């Protein structure tokens, strides 16, 4: 898959997420949500879910987990997605390495 495939799937998910989202909660999640709701006293529980998505996204970006999954599935990173170009496109692929010479790949 490519950067264009990633963009297409994000746009499709964005459109689908705009509709009402129904999530079944297990016992542990319901208990944690109740605790957060009482402690933080948001205007509504939906606000806690929005905050949770923001926090999870930020943590995933900071740990590099998002880049790992994007590289595995789409052969690009989050930075490449944001710029709209792969690293090779940005640099013009000036220093291509031979793929079949593994014993030399760590030599400078």
Protein backbone atom coordinates (compact mmCIF):
# COMPACT_ATOMS: atom_id res chain seq x y z
CA UNK A 1 0.00 0.00 0.00
CA UNK A 2 1.09 3.59 -0.44
CA UNK A 3 0.65 7.12 0.83
CA UNK A 4 -2.29 7.58 -1.55
CA UNK A 5 -3.96 4.41 -0.20
CA UNK A 6 -3.51 5.72 3.34
CA UNK A 7 -5.09 9.07 2.40
CA UNK A 8 -8.08 7.32 0.80
CA UNK A 9 -8.67 5.13 3.85
CA UNK A 10 -8.36 8.05 6.27
CA UNK A 11 -10.92 10.04 4.29
CA UNK A 12 -13.31 7.07 4.31
CA UNK A 13 -12.88 6.55 8.08
CA UNK A 14 -13.29 10.30 8.70
CA UNK A 15 -16.61 10.29 6.86
CA UNK A 16 -17.80 7.21 8.74
CA UNK A 17 -16.73 8.62 12.14
CA UNK A 18 -18.95 11.66 11.62
CA UNK A 19 -21.98 9.48 12.07
CA UNK A 20 -23.22 8.43 15.50
CA UNK A 21 -20.67 6.16 17.08
CA UNK A 22 -21.95 3.34 19.24
CA UNK A 23 -19.45 1.59 21.49
CA UNK A 24 -20.15 -1.35 23.75
CA UNK A 25 -18.31 -1.02 27.05
CA UNK A 26 -16.99 -3.91 29.05
CA UNK A 27 -17.17 -3.84 32.85
CA UNK A 28 -13.64 -2.51 33.36
CA UNK A 29 -14.05 0.30 30.81
CA UNK A 30 -17.42 1.28 32.25
CA UNK A 31 -15.91 1.44 35.75
CA UNK A 32 -12.95 3.56 34.56
CA UNK A 33 -15.25 5.88 32.63
CA UNK A 34 -17.46 6.31 35.69
CA UNK A 35 -14.42 7.12 37.85
CA UNK A 36 -13.14 9.70 35.35
CA UNK A 37 -16.59 11.20 35.01
CA UNK A 38 -16.95 11.67 38.75
CA UNK A 39 -13.40 12.96 39.25
CA UNK A 40 -13.18 15.30 36.25
CA UNK A 41 -16.85 16.36 36.16
CA UNK A 42 -17.12 16.99 32.40
CA UNK A 43 -20.26 18.51 30.89
CA UNK A 44 -21.01 15.11 29.37
CA UNK A 45 -19.32 11.73 29.06
CA UNK A 46 -18.73 12.32 25.35
CA UNK A 47 -16.12 14.92 26.32
CA UNK A 48 -14.14 12.23 28.16
CA UNK A 49 -14.21 10.01 25.08
CA UNK A 50 -12.94 12.87 22.91
CA UNK A 51 -10.12 13.54 25.39
CA UNK A 52 -9.28 9.84 25.51
CA UNK A 53 -8.91 9.67 21.73
CA UNK A 54 -6.65 12.76 21.74
CA UNK A 55 -4.48 11.33 24.54
CA UNK A 56 -4.24 7.91 22.91
CA UNK A 57 -3.32 9.43 19.56
CA UNK A 58 -0.63 11.64 21.12
CA UNK A 59 0.85 8.75 23.09
CA UNK A 60 0.88 6.53 20.00
CA UNK A 61 2.69 9.22 17.99
CA UNK A 62 5.24 9.91 20.76
CA UNK A 63 6.09 6.22 21.28
CA UNK A 64 6.54 5.66 17.55
CA UNK A 65 3.80 3.04 17.46
CA UNK A 66 1.84 4.94 14.83
CA UNK A 67 4.86 5.14 12.53
CA UNK A 68 5.56 1.45 13.03
CA UNK A 69 2.04 0.47 11.97
CA UNK A 70 1.94 2.96 9.10
CA UNK A 71 5.30 1.74 7.81
CA UNK A 72 4.13 -1.88 8.07
CA UNK A 73 0.83 -1.31 6.30
CA UNK A 74 1.42 1.64 3.99
CA UNK A 75 5.20 1.99 3.71
CA UNK A 76 5.14 5.56 5.03
CA UNK A 77 5.33 7.45 8.33
CA UNK A 78 3.05 10.03 9.93
CA UNK A 79 5.46 12.82 8.93
CA UNK A 80 5.35 11.60 5.35
CA UNK A 81 1.55 11.57 5.50
CA UNK A 82 1.49 15.14 6.83
CA UNK A 83 3.86 16.38 4.13
CA UNK A 84 2.11 14.41 1.38
CA UNK A 85 5.42 12.98 0.18
CA UNK A 86 7.52 9.99 1.06
CA UNK A 87 11.08 10.50 2.28
CA UNK A 88 12.40 9.26 -1.06
CA UNK A 89 10.27 11.83 -2.88
CA UNK A 90 11.50 14.61 -0.56
CA UNK A 91 15.16 13.75 -0.98
CA UNK A 92 15.04 12.65 -4.58
CA UNK A 93 16.36 9.26 -3.43
CA UNK A 94 19.93 10.55 -3.78
CA UNK A 95 21.62 7.66 -2.04
CA UNK A 96 19.97 4.40 -3.07
CA UNK A 97 21.33 1.32 -1.36
CA UNK A 98 21.64 -2.05 -2.99
CA UNK A 99 18.94 -4.31 -1.62
CA UNK A 100 20.73 -7.59 -2.26
CA UNK A 101 24.02 -6.76 -0.48
CA UNK A 102 22.99 -7.23 3.19
CA UNK A 103 26.53 -7.63 4.54
CA UNK A 104 27.35 -4.02 3.56
CA UNK A 105 24.19 -2.25 4.68
CA UNK A 106 25.64 -1.02 7.98
CA UNK A 107 28.89 0.26 6.49
CA UNK A 108 29.34 3.95 5.85
